[in-house]
Amino acid sequence: ISFRPHTRRVAHLRHIAGALLREGGIAEGVVETVQLLVSEIVTNAV
């Protein structure tokens, strides 16, 4: 996904990542870790 930098996008991408991995059967603990790291990396980028 390409987007204009804005902090509200962090929550959107965290949600999308979680939904994608949950649908794929990835363990909830892994999903939560991925969501946290998405938040950190995307926040830095923004």
PDB file of all heavy atoms in Angstrom:
ATOM      1  N   ILE A   1       0.855  -1.180   0.000  1.00  0.00           N
ATOM      2  CA  ILE A   1       0.000   0.000   0.000  1.00  0.00           C
ATOM      3  C   ILE A   1       0.892   1.233   0.000  1.00  0.00           C
ATOM      4  O   ILE A   1       1.850   1.317   0.772  1.00  0.00           O
ATOM      5  CB  ILE A   1      -0.913   0.031   1.244  1.00  0.00           C
ATOM      6  CG1 ILE A   1      -1.826  -1.190   1.269  1.00  0.00           C
ATOM      7  CG2 ILE A   1      -1.721   1.319   1.304  1.00  0.00           C
ATOM      8  CD1 ILE A   1      -2.620  -1.334   2.551  1.00  0.00           C
ATOM      9  N   SER A   2       0.565   2.196  -0.845  1.00  0.00           N
ATOM     10  CA  SER A   2       1.262   3.474  -0.863  1.00  0.00           C
ATOM     11  C   SER A   2       0.276   4.532  -0.370  1.00  0.00           C
ATOM     12  O   SER A   2      -0.888   4.547  -0.790  1.00  0.00           O
ATOM     13  CB  SER A   2       1.717   3.782  -2.290  1.00  0.00           C
ATOM     14  OG  SER A   2       2.345   5.042  -2.349  1.00  0.00           O
ATOM     15  N   PHE A   3       0.730   5.409   0.523  1.00  0.00           N
ATOM     16  CA  PHE A   3      -0.182   6.390   1.106  1.00  0.00           C
ATOM     17  C   PHE A   3       0.554   7.680   1.446  1.00  0.00           C
ATOM     18  O   PHE A   3       1.775   7.699   1.582  1.00  0.00           O
ATOM     19  CB  PHE A   3      -0.851   5.822   2.361  1.00  0.00           C
ATOM     20  CG  PHE A   3       0.113   5.424   3.453  1.00  0.00           C
ATOM     21  CD1 PHE A   3       0.428   6.312   4.469  1.00  0.00           C
ATOM     22  CD2 PHE A   3       0.711   4.175   3.450  1.00  0.00           C
ATOM     23  CE1 PHE A   3       1.322   5.953   5.470  1.00  0.00           C
ATOM     24  CE2 PHE A   3       1.595   3.807   4.452  1.00  0.00           C
ATOM     25  CZ  PHE A   3       1.909   4.696   5.463  1.00  0.00           C
ATOM     26  N   ARG A   4      -0.227   8.743   1.575  1.00  0.00           N
ATOM     27  CA  ARG A   4       0.328  10.011   2.033  1.00  0.00           C
ATOM     28  C   ARG A   4       0.607   9.890   3.530  1.00  0.00           C
ATOM     29  O   ARG A   4      -0.213   9.344   4.257  1.00  0.00           O
ATOM     30  CB  ARG A   4      -0.634  11.153   1.770  1.00  0.00           C
ATOM     31  CG  ARG A   4      -0.820  11.423   0.298  1.00  0.00           C
ATOM     32  CD  ARG A   4      -1.443  12.796   0.105  1.00  0.00           C
ATOM     33  NE  ARG A   4      -1.683  13.038  -1.306  1.00  0.00           N
ATOM     34  CZ  ARG A   4      -0.762  13.475  -2.162  1.00  0.00           C
ATOM     35  NH1 ARG A   4       0.457  13.704  -1.735  1.00  0.00           N
ATOM     36  NH2 ARG A   4      -1.059  13.668  -3.421  1.00  0.00           N
ATOM     37  N   PRO A   5       1.740  10.381   3.982  1.00  0.00           N
ATOM     38  CA  PRO A   5       2.084  10.217   5.398  1.00  0.00           C
ATOM     39  C   PRO A   5       1.100  10.957   6.311  1.00  0.00           C
ATOM     40  O   PRO A   5       0.910  12.157   6.187  1.00  0.00           O
ATOM     41  CB  PRO A   5       3.475  10.834   5.516  1.00  0.00           C
ATOM     42  CG  PRO A   5       3.925  11.181   4.154  1.00  0.00           C
ATOM     43  CD  PRO A   5       2.783  11.060   3.232  1.00  0.00           C
ATOM     44  N   HIS A   6       0.471  10.215   7.171  1.00  0.00           N
ATOM     45  CA  HIS A   6      -0.399  10.779   8.204  1.00  0.00           C
ATOM     46  C   HIS A   6      -0.506   9.753   9.321  1.00  0.00           C
ATOM     47  O   HIS A   6      -0.644   8.559   9.055  1.00  0.00           O
ATOM     48  CB  HIS A   6      -1.784  11.106   7.641  1.00  0.00           C
ATOM     49  CG  HIS A   6      -2.572  11.977   8.561  1.00  0.00           C
ATOM     50  ND1 HIS A   6      -3.146  11.498   9.714  1.00  0.00           N
ATOM     51  CD2 HIS A   6      -2.862  13.295   8.508  1.00  0.00           C
ATOM     52  CE1 HIS A   6      -3.761  12.497  10.335  1.00  0.00           C
ATOM     53  NE2 HIS A   6      -3.608  13.589   9.626  1.00  0.00           N
ATOM     54  N   THR A   7      -0.483  10.215  10.545  1.00  0.00           N
ATOM     55  CA  THR A   7      -0.485   9.293  11.684  1.00  0.00           C
ATOM     56  C   THR A   7      -1.728   8.419  11.753  1.00  0.00           C
ATOM     57  O   THR A   7      -1.670   7.327  12.293  1.00  0.00           O
ATOM     58  CB  THR A   7      -0.314  10.058  13.012  1.00  0.00           C
ATOM     59  OG1 THR A   7      -1.323  11.072  13.097  1.00  0.00           O
ATOM     60  CG2 THR A   7       1.070  10.693  13.093  1.00  0.00           C
ATOM     61  N   ARG A   8      -2.849   8.849  11.193  1.00  0.00           N
ATOM     62  CA  ARG A   8      -4.054   7.998  11.240  1.00  0.00           C
ATOM     63  C   ARG A   8      -3.878   6.720  10.419  1.00  0.00           C
ATOM     64  O   ARG A   8      -4.573   5.740  10.641  1.00  0.00           O
ATOM     65  CB  ARG A   8      -5.294   8.764  10.814  1.00  0.00           C
ATOM     66  CG  ARG A   8      -5.376   9.054   9.348  1.00  0.00           C
ATOM     67  CD  ARG A   8      -6.697   9.731   8.978  1.00  0.00           C
ATOM     68  NE  ARG A   8      -6.642  10.196   7.630  1.00  0.00           N
ATOM     69  CZ  ARG A   8      -6.394  11.444   7.265  1.00  0.00           C
ATOM     70  NH1 ARG A   8      -6.191  12.373   8.177  1.00  0.00           N
ATOM     71  NH2 ARG A   8      -6.342  11.773   5.999  1.00  0.00           N
ATOM     72  N   ARG A   9      -2.946   6.704   9.500  1.00  0.00           N
ATOM     73  CA  ARG A   9      -2.691   5.507   8.691  1.00  0.00           C
ATOM     74  C   ARG A   9      -2.080   4.378   9.516  1.00  0.00           C
ATOM     75  O   ARG A   9      -2.201   3.214   9.167  1.00  0.00           O
ATOM     76  CB  ARG A   9      -1.764   5.830   7.519  1.00  0.00           C
ATOM     77  CG  ARG A   9      -2.333   6.803   6.537  1.00  0.00           C
ATOM     78  CD  ARG A   9      -3.484   6.176   5.776  1.00  0.00           C
ATOM     79  NE  ARG A   9      -4.050   7.164   4.888  1.00  0.00           N
ATOM     80  CZ  ARG A   9      -5.337   7.464   4.845  1.00  0.00           C
ATOM     81  NH1 ARG A   9      -6.188   6.845   5.631  1.00  0.00           N
ATOM     82  NH2 ARG A   9      -5.770   8.364   4.006  1.00  0.00           N
ATOM     83  N   VAL A  10      -1.428   4.696  10.610  1.00  0.00           N
ATOM     84  CA  VAL A  10      -0.798   3.681  11.449  1.00  0.00           C
ATOM     85  C   VAL A  10      -1.838   2.683  11.933  1.00  0.00           C
ATOM     86  O   VAL A  10      -1.673   1.464  11.801  1.00  0.00           O
ATOM     87  CB  VAL A  10      -0.040   4.325  12.630  1.00  0.00           C
ATOM     88  CG1 VAL A  10       0.512   3.265  13.561  1.00  0.00           C
ATOM     89  CG2 VAL A  10       1.071   5.239  12.121  1.00  0.00           C
ATOM     90  N   ALA A  11      -2.928   3.160  12.481  1.00  0.00           N
ATOM     91  CA  ALA A  11      -3.993   2.271  12.970  1.00  0.00           C
ATOM     92  C   ALA A  11      -4.619   1.474  11.834  1.00  0.00           C
ATOM     93  O   ALA A  11      -4.930   0.290  11.992  1.00  0.00           O
ATOM     94  CB  ALA A  11      -5.065   3.076  13.702  1.00  0.00           C
ATOM     95  N   HIS A  12      -4.803   2.113  10.674  1.00  0.00           N
ATOM     96  CA  HIS A  12      -5.373   1.400   9.527  1.00  0.00           C
ATOM     97  C   HIS A  12      -4.501   0.214   9.129  1.00  0.00           C
ATOM     98  O   HIS A  12      -5.000  -0.896   8.916  1.00  0.00           O
ATOM     99  CB  HIS A  12      -5.511   2.335   8.316  1.00  0.00           C
ATOM    100  CG  HIS A  12      -6.453   3.462   8.515  1.00  0.00           C
ATOM    101  ND1 HIS A  12      -6.374   4.608   7.774  1.00  0.00           N
ATOM    102  CD2 HIS A  12      -7.488   3.641   9.362  1.00  0.00           C
ATOM    103  CE1 HIS A  12      -7.314   5.446   8.153  1.00  0.00           C
ATOM    104  NE2 HIS A  12      -8.010   4.876   9.123  1.00  0.00           N
ATOM    105  N   LEU A  13      -3.207   0.440   9.033  1.00  0.00           N
ATOM    106  CA  LEU A  13      -2.293  -0.620   8.597  1.00  0.00           C
ATOM    107  C   LEU A  13      -2.140  -1.707   9.650  1.00  0.00           C
ATOM    108  O   LEU A  13      -2.011  -2.886   9.329  1.00  0.00           O
ATOM    109  CB  LEU A  13      -0.949  -0.028   8.203  1.00  0.00           C
ATOM    110  CG  LEU A  13      -1.033   0.872   6.966  1.00  0.00           C
ATOM    111  CD1 LEU A  13       0.278   1.589   6.727  1.00  0.00           C
ATOM    112  CD2 LEU A  13      -1.460   0.092   5.746  1.00  0.00           C
ATOM    113  N   ARG A  14      -2.173  -1.323  10.910  1.00  0.00           N
ATOM    114  CA  ARG A  14      -2.142  -2.316  11.993  1.00  0.00           C
ATOM    115  C   ARG A  14      -3.367  -3.229  11.895  1.00  0.00           C
ATOM    116  O   ARG A  14      -3.261  -4.454  12.003  1.00  0.00           O
ATOM    117  CB  ARG A  14      -2.097  -1.589  13.343  1.00  0.00           C
ATOM    118  CG  ARG A  14      -1.917  -2.495  14.523  1.00  0.00           C
ATOM    119  CD  ARG A  14      -1.759  -1.741  15.829  1.00  0.00           C
ATOM    120  NE  ARG A  14      -2.859  -0.822  16.078  1.00  0.00           N
ATOM    121  CZ  ARG A  14      -2.733   0.505  16.192  1.00  0.00           C
ATOM    122  NH1 ARG A  14      -1.555   1.078  16.094  1.00  0.00           N
ATOM    123  NH2 ARG A  14      -3.780   1.254  16.414  1.00  0.00           N
ATOM    124  N   HIS A  15      -4.514  -2.650  11.645  1.00  0.00           N
ATOM    125  CA  HIS A  15      -5.756  -3.424  11.505  1.00  0.00           C
ATOM    126  C   HIS A  15      -5.706  -4.343  10.278  1.00  0.00           C
ATOM    127  O   HIS A  15      -6.067  -5.523  10.354  1.00  0.00           O
ATOM    128  CB  HIS A  15      -6.950  -2.468  11.409  1.00  0.00           C
ATOM    129  CG  HIS A  15      -8.241  -3.153  11.181  1.00  0.00           C
ATOM    130  ND1 HIS A  15      -8.898  -3.847  12.171  1.00  0.00           N
ATOM    131  CD2 HIS A  15      -8.989  -3.287  10.066  1.00  0.00           C
ATOM    132  CE1 HIS A  15     -10.010  -4.370  11.677  1.00  0.00           C
ATOM    133  NE2 HIS A  15     -10.080  -4.050  10.403  1.00  0.00           N
ATOM    134  N   ILE A  16      -5.261  -3.824   9.155  1.00  0.00           N
ATOM    135  CA  ILE A  16      -5.166  -4.617   7.923  1.00  0.00           C
ATOM    136  C   ILE A  16      -4.214  -5.795   8.115  1.00  0.00           C
ATOM    137  O   ILE A  16      -4.523  -6.924   7.734  1.00  0.00           O
ATOM    138  CB  ILE A  16      -4.713  -3.723   6.744  1.00  0.00           C
ATOM    139  CG1 ILE A  16      -5.837  -2.762   6.353  1.00  0.00           C
ATOM    140  CG2 ILE A  16      -4.277  -4.564   5.547  1.00  0.00           C
ATOM    141  CD1 ILE A  16      -5.393  -1.647   5.417  1.00  0.00           C
ATOM    142  N   ALA A  17      -3.052  -5.535   8.708  1.00  0.00           N
ATOM    143  CA  ALA A  17      -2.072  -6.608   8.940  1.00  0.00           C
ATOM    144  C   ALA A  17      -2.665  -7.691   9.833  1.00  0.00           C
ATOM    145  O   ALA A  17      -2.527  -8.886   9.560  1.00  0.00           O
ATOM    146  CB  ALA A  17      -0.801  -6.042   9.560  1.00  0.00           C
ATOM    147  N   GLY A  18      -3.340  -7.285  10.886  1.00  0.00           N
ATOM    148  CA  GLY A  18      -3.954  -8.257  11.789  1.00  0.00           C
ATOM    149  C   GLY A  18      -5.011  -9.095  11.102  1.00  0.00           C
ATOM    150  O   GLY A  18      -5.058 -10.319  11.265  1.00  0.00           O
ATOM    151  N   ALA A  19      -5.859  -8.448  10.314  1.00  0.00           N
ATOM    152  CA  ALA A  19      -6.923  -9.176   9.611  1.00  0.00           C
ATOM    153  C   ALA A  19      -6.342 -10.173   8.615  1.00  0.00           C
ATOM    154  O   ALA A  19      -6.797 -11.323   8.539  1.00  0.00           O
ATOM    155  CB  ALA A  19      -7.847  -8.186   8.898  1.00  0.00           C
ATOM    156  N   LEU A  20      -5.331  -9.773   7.876  1.00  0.00           N
ATOM    157  CA  LEU A  20      -4.695 -10.654   6.896  1.00  0.00           C
ATOM    158  C   LEU A  20      -4.124 -11.897   7.572  1.00  0.00           C
ATOM    159  O   LEU A  20      -4.357 -13.023   7.134  1.00  0.00           O
ATOM    160  CB  LEU A  20      -3.592  -9.904   6.154  1.00  0.00           C
ATOM    161  CG  LEU A  20      -2.758 -10.718   5.172  1.00  0.00           C
ATOM    162  CD1 LEU A  20      -3.598 -11.105   3.968  1.00  0.00           C
ATOM    163  CD2 LEU A  20      -1.534  -9.938   4.745  1.00  0.00           C
ATOM    164  N   LEU A  21      -3.397 -11.707   8.659  1.00  0.00           N
ATOM    165  CA  LEU A  21      -2.751 -12.835   9.326  1.00  0.00           C
ATOM    166  C   LEU A  21      -3.747 -13.715  10.073  1.00  0.00           C
ATOM    167  O   LEU A  21      -3.610 -14.941  10.088  1.00  0.00           O
ATOM    168  CB  LEU A  21      -1.660 -12.325  10.264  1.00  0.00           C
ATOM    169  CG  LEU A  21      -0.505 -11.585   9.567  1.00  0.00           C
ATOM    170  CD1 LEU A  21       0.483 -11.063  10.588  1.00  0.00           C
ATOM    171  CD2 LEU A  21       0.178 -12.463   8.534  1.00  0.00           C
ATOM    172  N   ARG A  22      -4.759 -13.107  10.680  1.00  0.00           N
ATOM    173  CA  ARG A  22      -5.784 -13.915  11.362  1.00  0.00           C
ATOM    174  C   ARG A  22      -6.534 -14.794  10.375  1.00  0.00           C
ATOM    175  O   ARG A  22      -6.808 -15.951  10.647  1.00  0.00           O
ATOM    176  CB  ARG A  22      -6.758 -13.010  12.107  1.00  0.00           C
ATOM    177  CG  ARG A  22      -6.218 -12.482  13.403  1.00  0.00           C
ATOM    178  CD  ARG A  22      -7.253 -11.675  14.180  1.00  0.00           C
ATOM    179  NE  ARG A  22      -6.624 -11.073  15.322  1.00  0.00           N
ATOM    180  CZ  ARG A  22      -6.241  -9.786  15.391  1.00  0.00           C
ATOM    181  NH1 ARG A  22      -6.459  -8.973  14.368  1.00  0.00           N
ATOM    182  NH2 ARG A  22      -5.653  -9.330  16.473  1.00  0.00           N
ATOM    183  N   GLU A  23      -6.877 -14.235   9.225  1.00  0.00           N
ATOM    184  CA  GLU A  23      -7.565 -15.023   8.194  1.00  0.00           C
ATOM    185  C   GLU A  23      -6.703 -16.182   7.725  1.00  0.00           C
ATOM    186  O   GLU A  23      -7.213 -17.215   7.327  1.00  0.00           O
ATOM    187  CB  GLU A  23      -7.934 -14.141   6.999  1.00  0.00           C
ATOM    188  CG  GLU A  23      -9.133 -13.270   7.223  1.00  0.00           C
ATOM    189  CD  GLU A  23     -10.407 -14.076   7.395  1.00  0.00           C
ATOM    190  OE1 GLU A  23     -10.650 -15.026   6.626  1.00  0.00           O
ATOM    191  OE2 GLU A  23     -11.183 -13.748   8.309  1.00  0.00           O
ATOM    192  N   GLY A  24      -5.402 -16.010   7.796  1.00  0.00           N
ATOM    193  CA  GLY A  24      -4.490 -17.061   7.377  1.00  0.00           C
ATOM    194  C   GLY A  24      -4.164 -18.071   8.461  1.00  0.00           C
ATOM    195  O   GLY A  24      -3.389 -18.983   8.247  1.00  0.00           O
ATOM    196  N   GLY A  25      -4.749 -17.888   9.638  1.00  0.00           N
ATOM    197  CA  GLY A  25      -4.538 -18.861  10.696  1.00  0.00           C
ATOM    198  C   GLY A  25      -3.270 -18.679  11.509  1.00  0.00           C
ATOM    199  O   GLY A  25      -2.863 -19.577  12.236  1.00  0.00           O
ATOM    200  N   ILE A  26      -2.655 -17.526  11.432  1.00  0.00           N
ATOM    201  CA  ILE A  26      -1.456 -17.263  12.217  1.00  0.00           C
ATOM    202  C   ILE A  26      -1.862 -17.080  13.684  1.00  0.00           C
ATOM    203  O   ILE A  26      -2.877 -16.459  13.986  1.00  0.00           O
ATOM    204  CB  ILE A  26      -0.722 -16.005  11.694  1.00  0.00           C
ATOM    205  CG1 ILE A  26      -0.262 -16.229  10.256  1.00  0.00           C
ATOM    206  CG2 ILE A  26       0.442 -15.620  12.583  1.00  0.00           C
ATOM    207  CD1 ILE A  26       0.749 -17.334  10.076  1.00  0.00           C
ATOM    208  N   ALA A  27      -1.066 -17.597  14.599  1.00  0.00           N
ATOM    209  CA  ALA A  27      -1.355 -17.549  16.035  1.00  0.00           C
ATOM    210  C   ALA A  27      -1.538 -16.109  16.511  1.00  0.00           C
ATOM    211  O   ALA A  27      -0.823 -15.201  16.071  1.00  0.00           O
ATOM    212  CB  ALA A  27      -0.235 -18.218  16.818  1.00  0.00           C
ATOM    213  N   GLU A  28      -2.473 -15.926  17.435  1.00  0.00           N
ATOM    214  CA  GLU A  28      -2.813 -14.586  17.920  1.00  0.00           C
ATOM    215  C   GLU A  28      -1.606 -13.856  18.514  1.00  0.00           C
ATOM    216  O   GLU A  28      -1.448 -12.663  18.311  1.00  0.00           O
ATOM    217  CB  GLU A  28      -3.947 -14.656  18.940  1.00  0.00           C
ATOM    218  CG  GLU A  28      -4.481 -13.308  19.357  1.00  0.00           C
ATOM    219  CD  GLU A  28      -5.057 -12.469  18.230  1.00  0.00           C
ATOM    220  OE1 GLU A  28      -5.551 -13.041  17.219  1.00  0.00           O
ATOM    221  OE2 GLU A  28      -5.018 -11.233  18.340  1.00  0.00           O
ATOM    222  N   GLY A  29      -0.748 -14.547  19.233  1.00  0.00           N
ATOM    223  CA  GLY A  29       0.440 -13.898  19.795  1.00  0.00           C
ATOM    224  C   GLY A  29       1.351 -13.328  18.719  1.00  0.00           C
ATOM    225  O   GLY A  29       1.905 -12.239  18.876  1.00  0.00           O
ATOM    226  N   VAL A  30       1.491 -14.046  17.626  1.00  0.00           N
ATOM    227  CA  VAL A  30       2.302 -13.568  16.493  1.00  0.00           C
ATOM    228  C   VAL A  30       1.624 -12.367  15.848  1.00  0.00           C
ATOM    229  O   VAL A  30       2.272 -11.367  15.524  1.00  0.00           O
ATOM    230  CB  VAL A  30       2.543 -14.690  15.460  1.00  0.00           C
ATOM    231  CG1 VAL A  30       3.253 -14.159  14.226  1.00  0.00           C
ATOM    232  CG2 VAL A  30       3.318 -15.837  16.089  1.00  0.00           C
ATOM    233  N   VAL A  31       0.311 -12.452  15.675  1.00  0.00           N
ATOM    234  CA  VAL A  31      -0.441 -11.348  15.074  1.00  0.00           C
ATOM    235  C   VAL A  31      -0.248 -10.075  15.903  1.00  0.00           C
ATOM    236  O   VAL A  31       0.012  -8.999  15.358  1.00  0.00           O
ATOM    237  CB  VAL A  31      -1.941 -11.691  14.943  1.00  0.00           C
ATOM    238  CG1 VAL A  31      -2.750 -10.474  14.504  1.00  0.00           C
ATOM    239  CG2 VAL A  31      -2.145 -12.850  13.972  1.00  0.00           C
ATOM    240  N   GLU A  32      -0.335 -10.186  17.220  1.00  0.00           N
ATOM    241  CA  GLU A  32      -0.168  -9.022  18.089  1.00  0.00           C
ATOM    242  C   GLU A  32       1.241  -8.445  17.984  1.00  0.00           C
ATOM    243  O   GLU A  32       1.413  -7.219  17.966  1.00  0.00           O
ATOM    244  CB  GLU A  32      -0.500  -9.390  19.527  1.00  0.00           C
ATOM    245  CG  GLU A  32      -1.978  -9.665  19.733  1.00  0.00           C
ATOM    246  CD  GLU A  32      -2.305 -10.260  21.088  1.00  0.00           C
ATOM    247  OE1 GLU A  32      -1.363 -10.526  21.882  1.00  0.00           O
ATOM    248  OE2 GLU A  32      -3.498 -10.459  21.361  1.00  0.00           O
ATOM    249  N   THR A  33       2.242  -9.301  17.890  1.00  0.00           N
ATOM    250  CA  THR A  33       3.618  -8.825  17.721  1.00  0.00           C
ATOM    251  C   THR A  33       3.767  -8.098  16.391  1.00  0.00           C
ATOM    252  O   THR A  33       4.350  -7.008  16.326  1.00  0.00           O
ATOM    253  CB  THR A  33       4.622  -9.996  17.814  1.00  0.00           C
ATOM    254  OG1 THR A  33       4.516 -10.582  19.114  1.00  0.00           O
ATOM    255  CG2 THR A  33       6.049  -9.533  17.563  1.00  0.00           C
ATOM    256  N   VAL A  34       3.235  -8.685  15.327  1.00  0.00           N
ATOM    257  CA  VAL A  34       3.302  -8.043  14.007  1.00  0.00           C
ATOM    258  C   VAL A  34       2.609  -6.684  14.056  1.00  0.00           C
ATOM    259  O   VAL A  34       3.140  -5.689  13.550  1.00  0.00           O
ATOM    260  CB  VAL A  34       2.693  -8.946  12.915  1.00  0.00           C
ATOM    261  CG1 VAL A  34       2.475  -8.166  11.626  1.00  0.00           C
ATOM    262  CG2 VAL A  34       3.576 -10.159  12.669  1.00  0.00           C
ATOM    263  N   GLN A  35       1.446  -6.622  14.677  1.00  0.00           N
ATOM    264  CA  GLN A  35       0.726  -5.351  14.741  1.00  0.00           C
ATOM    265  C   GLN A  35       1.527  -4.280  15.488  1.00  0.00           C
ATOM    266  O   GLN A  35       1.561  -3.122  15.063  1.00  0.00           O
ATOM    267  CB  GLN A  35      -0.640  -5.545  15.395  1.00  0.00           C
ATOM    268  CG  GLN A  35      -1.606  -6.288  14.487  1.00  0.00           C
ATOM    269  CD  GLN A  35      -2.963  -6.453  15.139  1.00  0.00           C
ATOM    270  OE1 GLN A  35      -3.076  -7.069  16.190  1.00  0.00           O
ATOM    271  NE2 GLN A  35      -3.979  -5.914  14.503  1.00  0.00           N
ATOM    272  N   LEU A  36       2.174  -4.654  16.566  1.00  0.00           N
ATOM    273  CA  LEU A  36       3.005  -3.705  17.303  1.00  0.00           C
ATOM    274  C   LEU A  36       4.152  -3.214  16.428  1.00  0.00           C
ATOM    275  O   LEU A  36       4.428  -2.008  16.358  1.00  0.00           O
ATOM    276  CB  LEU A  36       3.552  -4.347  18.579  1.00  0.00           C
ATOM    277  CG  LEU A  36       4.553  -3.505  19.374  1.00  0.00           C
ATOM    278  CD1 LEU A  36       3.924  -2.204  19.852  1.00  0.00           C
ATOM    279  CD2 LEU A  36       5.100  -4.307  20.542  1.00  0.00           C
ATOM    280  N   LEU A  37       4.807  -4.128  15.724  1.00  0.00           N
ATOM    281  CA  LEU A  37       5.943  -3.737  14.889  1.00  0.00           C
ATOM    282  C   LEU A  37       5.505  -2.922  13.678  1.00  0.00           C
ATOM    283  O   LEU A  37       6.217  -1.999  13.259  1.00  0.00           O
ATOM    284  CB  LEU A  37       6.748  -4.967  14.488  1.00  0.00           C
ATOM    285  CG  LEU A  37       7.364  -5.720  15.677  1.00  0.00           C
ATOM    286  CD1 LEU A  37       8.213  -6.884  15.185  1.00  0.00           C
ATOM    287  CD2 LEU A  37       8.145  -4.816  16.590  1.00  0.00           C
ATOM    288  N   VAL A  38       4.338  -3.227  13.117  1.00  0.00           N
ATOM    289  CA  VAL A  38       3.777  -2.391  12.047  1.00  0.00           C
ATOM    290  C   VAL A  38       3.610  -0.968  12.577  1.00  0.00           C
ATOM    291  O   VAL A  38       3.995   0.003  11.924  1.00  0.00           O
ATOM    292  CB  VAL A  38       2.435  -2.959  11.530  1.00  0.00           C
ATOM    293  CG1 VAL A  38       1.678  -1.916  10.706  1.00  0.00           C
ATOM    294  CG2 VAL A  38       2.668  -4.223  10.710  1.00  0.00           C
ATOM    295  N   SER A  39       3.039  -0.841  13.776  1.00  0.00           N
ATOM    296  CA  SER A  39       2.849   0.485  14.374  1.00  0.00           C
ATOM    297  C   SER A  39       4.162   1.238  14.492  1.00  0.00           C
ATOM    298  O   SER A  39       4.246   2.423  14.136  1.00  0.00           O
ATOM    299  CB  SER A  39       2.221   0.368  15.760  1.00  0.00           C
ATOM    300  OG  SER A  39       0.915  -0.111  15.689  1.00  0.00           O
ATOM    301  N   GLU A  40       5.189   0.575  14.980  1.00  0.00           N
ATOM    302  CA  GLU A  40       6.461   1.249  15.213  1.00  0.00           C
ATOM    303  C   GLU A  40       7.145   1.648  13.911  1.00  0.00           C
ATOM    304  O   GLU A  40       7.625   2.770  13.769  1.00  0.00           O
ATOM    305  CB  GLU A  40       7.381   0.369  16.063  1.00  0.00           C
ATOM    306  CG  GLU A  40       6.863   0.068  17.449  1.00  0.00           C
ATOM    307  CD  GLU A  40       6.510   1.298  18.273  1.00  0.00           C
ATOM    308  OE1 GLU A  40       7.093   2.382  18.044  1.00  0.00           O
ATOM    309  OE2 GLU A  40       5.633   1.179  19.142  1.00  0.00           O
ATOM    310  N   ILE A  41       7.186   0.734  12.962  1.00  0.00           N
ATOM    311  CA  ILE A  41       7.887   1.017  11.702  1.00  0.00           C
ATOM    312  C   ILE A  41       7.130   2.057  10.865  1.00  0.00           C
ATOM    313  O   ILE A  41       7.735   2.966  10.292  1.00  0.00           O
ATOM    314  CB  ILE A  41       8.135  -0.293  10.924  1.00  0.00           C
ATOM    315  CG1 ILE A  41       9.245  -1.070  11.632  1.00  0.00           C
ATOM    316  CG2 ILE A  41       8.510  -0.018   9.470  1.00  0.00           C
ATOM    317  CD1 ILE A  41       9.599  -2.380  10.986  1.00  0.00           C
ATOM    318  N   VAL A  42       5.812   1.941  10.813  1.00  0.00           N
ATOM    319  CA  VAL A  42       5.034   2.909  10.033  1.00  0.00           C
ATOM    320  C   VAL A  42       5.059   4.287  10.707  1.00  0.00           C
ATOM    321  O   VAL A  42       5.172   5.307  10.027  1.00  0.00           O
ATOM    322  CB  VAL A  42       3.595   2.407   9.804  1.00  0.00           C
ATOM    323  CG1 VAL A  42       2.736   3.485   9.159  1.00  0.00           C
ATOM    324  CG2 VAL A  42       3.611   1.155   8.932  1.00  0.00           C
ATOM    325  N   THR A  43       4.983   4.326  12.017  1.00  0.00           N
ATOM    326  CA  THR A  43       5.071   5.615  12.713  1.00  0.00           C
ATOM    327  C   THR A  43       6.392   6.299  12.398  1.00  0.00           C
ATOM    328  O   THR A  43       6.423   7.502  12.099  1.00  0.00           O
ATOM    329  CB  THR A  43       4.911   5.436  14.233  1.00  0.00           C
ATOM    330  OG1 THR A  43       3.602   4.926  14.498  1.00  0.00           O
ATOM    331  CG2 THR A  43       5.094   6.764  14.970  1.00  0.00           C
ATOM    332  N   ASN A  44       7.495   5.566  12.449  1.00  0.00           N
ATOM    333  CA  ASN A  44       8.796   6.152  12.097  1.00  0.00           C
ATOM    334  C   ASN A  44       8.791   6.690  10.674  1.00  0.00           C
ATOM    335  O   ASN A  44       9.316   7.774  10.411  1.00  0.00           O
ATOM    336  CB  ASN A  44       9.916   5.123  12.254  1.00  0.00           C
ATOM    337  CG  ASN A  44      10.370   4.984  13.686  1.00  0.00           C
ATOM    338  OD1 ASN A  44       9.936   5.710  14.567  1.00  0.00           O
ATOM    339  ND2 ASN A  44      11.239   4.021  13.919  1.00  0.00           N
ATOM    340  N   ALA A  45       8.204   5.936   9.750  1.00  0.00           N
ATOM    341  CA  ALA A  45       8.162   6.370   8.353  1.00  0.00           C
ATOM    342  C   ALA A  45       7.335   7.638   8.194  1.00  0.00           C
ATOM    343  O   ALA A  45       7.719   8.559   7.461  1.00  0.00           O
ATOM    344  CB  ALA A  45       7.602   5.253   7.474  1.00  0.00           C
ATOM    345  N   VAL A  46       6.220   7.705   8.883  1.00  0.00           N
ATOM    346  CA  VAL A  46       5.334   8.873   8.784  1.00  0.00           C
ATOM    347  C   VAL A  46       5.971  10.101   9.430  1.00  0.00           C
ATOM    348  O   VAL A  46       5.965  11.191   8.867  1.00  0.00           O
ATOM    349  CB  VAL A  46       3.958   8.552   9.423  1.00  0.00           C
ATOM    350  CG1 VAL A  46       3.140   9.813   9.635  1.00  0.00           C
ATOM    351  CG2 VAL A  46       3.192   7.553   8.566  1.00  0.00           C
TER     352      VAL A  46
END
